[in-house]
């Protein structure tokens, strides 16, 4: 186009229609961007709120795992003790261990502290 030549109405009308078409596309893209940003900000805010709760739950879980490990060790020890206590071959030694009874040919020895002054 020449700089001095006036623009016809048809050309102006065509350019105006294109601007109207692009205005709708711009509005749609702007709306999509705004919604995407709003969702992203909401997700980040939710993550920030849930992170301390998650860390607290992880600490509790670690503590519970330690307690389970300790309890398993205790249960294993008690099972061994139970098997030992109900072993028929250990009856004599268990009787001596848990009571004052001894075999007829044995006697208990009690150590006393020496009180020399």
Protein backbone atom coordinates (compact mmCIF):
# COMPACT_ATOMS: atom_id res chain seq x y z
CA UNK A 1 0.00 0.00 0.00
CA UNK A 2 1.07 3.48 -0.65
CA UNK A 3 1.37 5.82 2.31
CA UNK A 4 -0.67 8.57 0.79
CA UNK A 5 -3.49 6.43 -0.59
CA UNK A 6 -6.65 6.15 1.58
CA UNK A 7 -7.67 2.67 2.82
CA UNK A 8 -10.97 1.43 1.42
CA UNK A 9 -13.90 0.42 3.64
CA UNK A 10 -13.68 -3.22 2.52
CA UNK A 11 -10.10 -3.50 3.68
CA UNK A 12 -10.95 -1.85 7.01
CA UNK A 13 -13.93 -4.16 7.46
CA UNK A 14 -11.75 -7.23 6.73
CA UNK A 15 -9.09 -6.15 9.23
CA UNK A 16 -11.75 -5.45 11.84
CA UNK A 17 -13.20 -8.98 11.39
CA UNK A 18 -9.75 -10.51 11.89
CA UNK A 19 -9.28 -8.50 15.07
CA UNK A 20 -12.65 -9.75 16.33
CA UNK A 21 -11.64 -13.34 15.57
CA UNK A 22 -8.30 -12.90 17.30
CA UNK A 23 -9.98 -11.20 20.24
CA UNK A 24 -11.97 -14.38 20.91
CA UNK A 25 -8.85 -16.56 20.62
CA UNK A 26 -6.93 -14.17 22.89
CA UNK A 27 -9.73 -14.26 25.46
CA UNK A 28 -9.83 -18.07 25.36
CA UNK A 29 -6.05 -18.40 25.73
CA UNK A 30 -6.03 -15.81 28.53
CA UNK A 31 -8.81 -17.66 30.35
CA UNK A 32 -6.97 -20.99 30.00
CA UNK A 33 -3.74 -19.45 31.31
CA UNK A 34 -5.49 -17.85 34.27
CA UNK A 35 -7.22 -21.13 35.17
CA UNK A 36 -3.98 -23.07 34.78
CA UNK A 37 -2.16 -20.65 37.06
CA UNK A 38 -4.99 -20.81 39.62
CA UNK A 39 -4.86 -24.62 39.63
CA UNK A 40 -1.05 -24.58 39.92
CA UNK A 41 -1.17 -22.13 42.84
CA UNK A 42 -3.84 -24.24 44.54
CA UNK A 43 -1.73 -27.38 44.10
CA UNK A 44 1.35 -25.67 45.53
CA UNK A 45 -0.64 -24.34 48.50
CA UNK A 46 -2.08 -27.81 49.18
CA UNK A 47 1.39 -29.34 48.98
CA UNK A 48 2.73 -26.77 51.45
CA UNK A 49 -0.11 -27.57 53.87
CA UNK A 50 0.31 -31.34 53.54
CA UNK A 51 4.11 -31.48 53.80
CA UNK A 52 4.32 -30.92 57.61
CA UNK A 53 1.57 -33.52 58.14
CA UNK A 54 3.47 -36.00 55.94
CA UNK A 55 6.71 -35.42 57.84
CA UNK A 56 4.92 -35.92 61.18
CA UNK A 57 3.40 -39.18 59.95
CA UNK A 58 6.80 -40.38 58.73
CA UNK A 59 8.30 -39.69 62.17
CA UNK A 60 5.47 -41.62 63.85
CA UNK A 61 5.93 -44.49 61.41
CA UNK A 62 9.65 -44.62 62.17
CA UNK A 63 8.92 -44.70 65.91
CA UNK A 64 6.38 -47.51 65.43
CA UNK A 65 8.85 -49.53 63.37
CA UNK A 66 11.41 -49.23 66.15
CA UNK A 67 8.81 -50.37 68.70
CA UNK A 68 7.82 -53.31 66.50
CA UNK A 69 11.46 -54.34 66.18
CA UNK A 70 11.93 -54.16 69.96
CA UNK A 71 8.70 -56.11 70.54
CA UNK A 72 9.75 -58.79 68.04
CA UNK A 73 13.05 -59.22 69.88
CA UNK A 74 11.19 -59.50 73.19
CA UNK A 75 8.71 -62.02 71.76
CA UNK A 76 11.57 -64.13 70.39
CA UNK A 77 13.27 -64.10 73.80
CA UNK A 78 10.02 -65.06 75.56
CA UNK A 79 9.41 -67.91 73.09
CA UNK A 80 12.87 -69.29 73.77
CA UNK A 81 12.26 -69.01 77.51
CA UNK A 82 8.88 -70.74 77.12
CA UNK A 83 10.45 -73.60 75.18
CA UNK A 84 13.15 -73.88 77.82
CA UNK A 85 10.64 -73.87 80.71
CA UNK A 86 8.45 -76.60 79.20
CA UNK A 87 11.29 -78.85 78.14
CA UNK A 88 10.83 -82.17 80.00
CA UNK A 89 14.56 -82.78 80.09
CA UNK A 90 15.08 -79.53 82.01
CA UNK A 91 12.62 -80.31 84.81
CA UNK A 92 15.27 -80.94 87.46
CA UNK A 93 17.32 -77.85 86.67
CA UNK A 94 14.18 -75.68 86.44
CA UNK A 95 13.00 -76.91 89.81
CA UNK A 96 16.34 -75.95 91.31
CA UNK A 97 16.40 -72.64 89.52
CA UNK A 98 12.91 -71.44 90.47
CA UNK A 99 12.43 -72.90 93.94
CA UNK A 100 14.30 -73.73 97.10
CA UNK A 101 13.95 -77.44 96.40
CA UNK A 102 17.09 -79.31 95.48
CA UNK A 103 18.02 -82.87 94.76
CA UNK A 104 18.34 -85.06 97.89
CA UNK A 105 22.08 -85.41 97.45
CA UNK A 106 22.65 -81.65 97.11
CA UNK A 107 22.34 -78.66 99.40
CA UNK A 108 22.13 -74.97 98.72
CA UNK A 109 24.95 -72.66 99.64
CA UNK A 110 24.12 -69.13 100.69
CA UNK A 111 26.91 -66.58 100.68
CA UNK A 112 26.83 -64.05 103.47
CA UNK A 113 28.63 -60.76 103.51
CA UNK A 114 31.54 -60.55 105.91
CA UNK A 115 30.79 -57.90 108.53
CA UNK A 116 34.21 -57.38 110.05
CA UNK A 117 34.55 -54.07 111.78
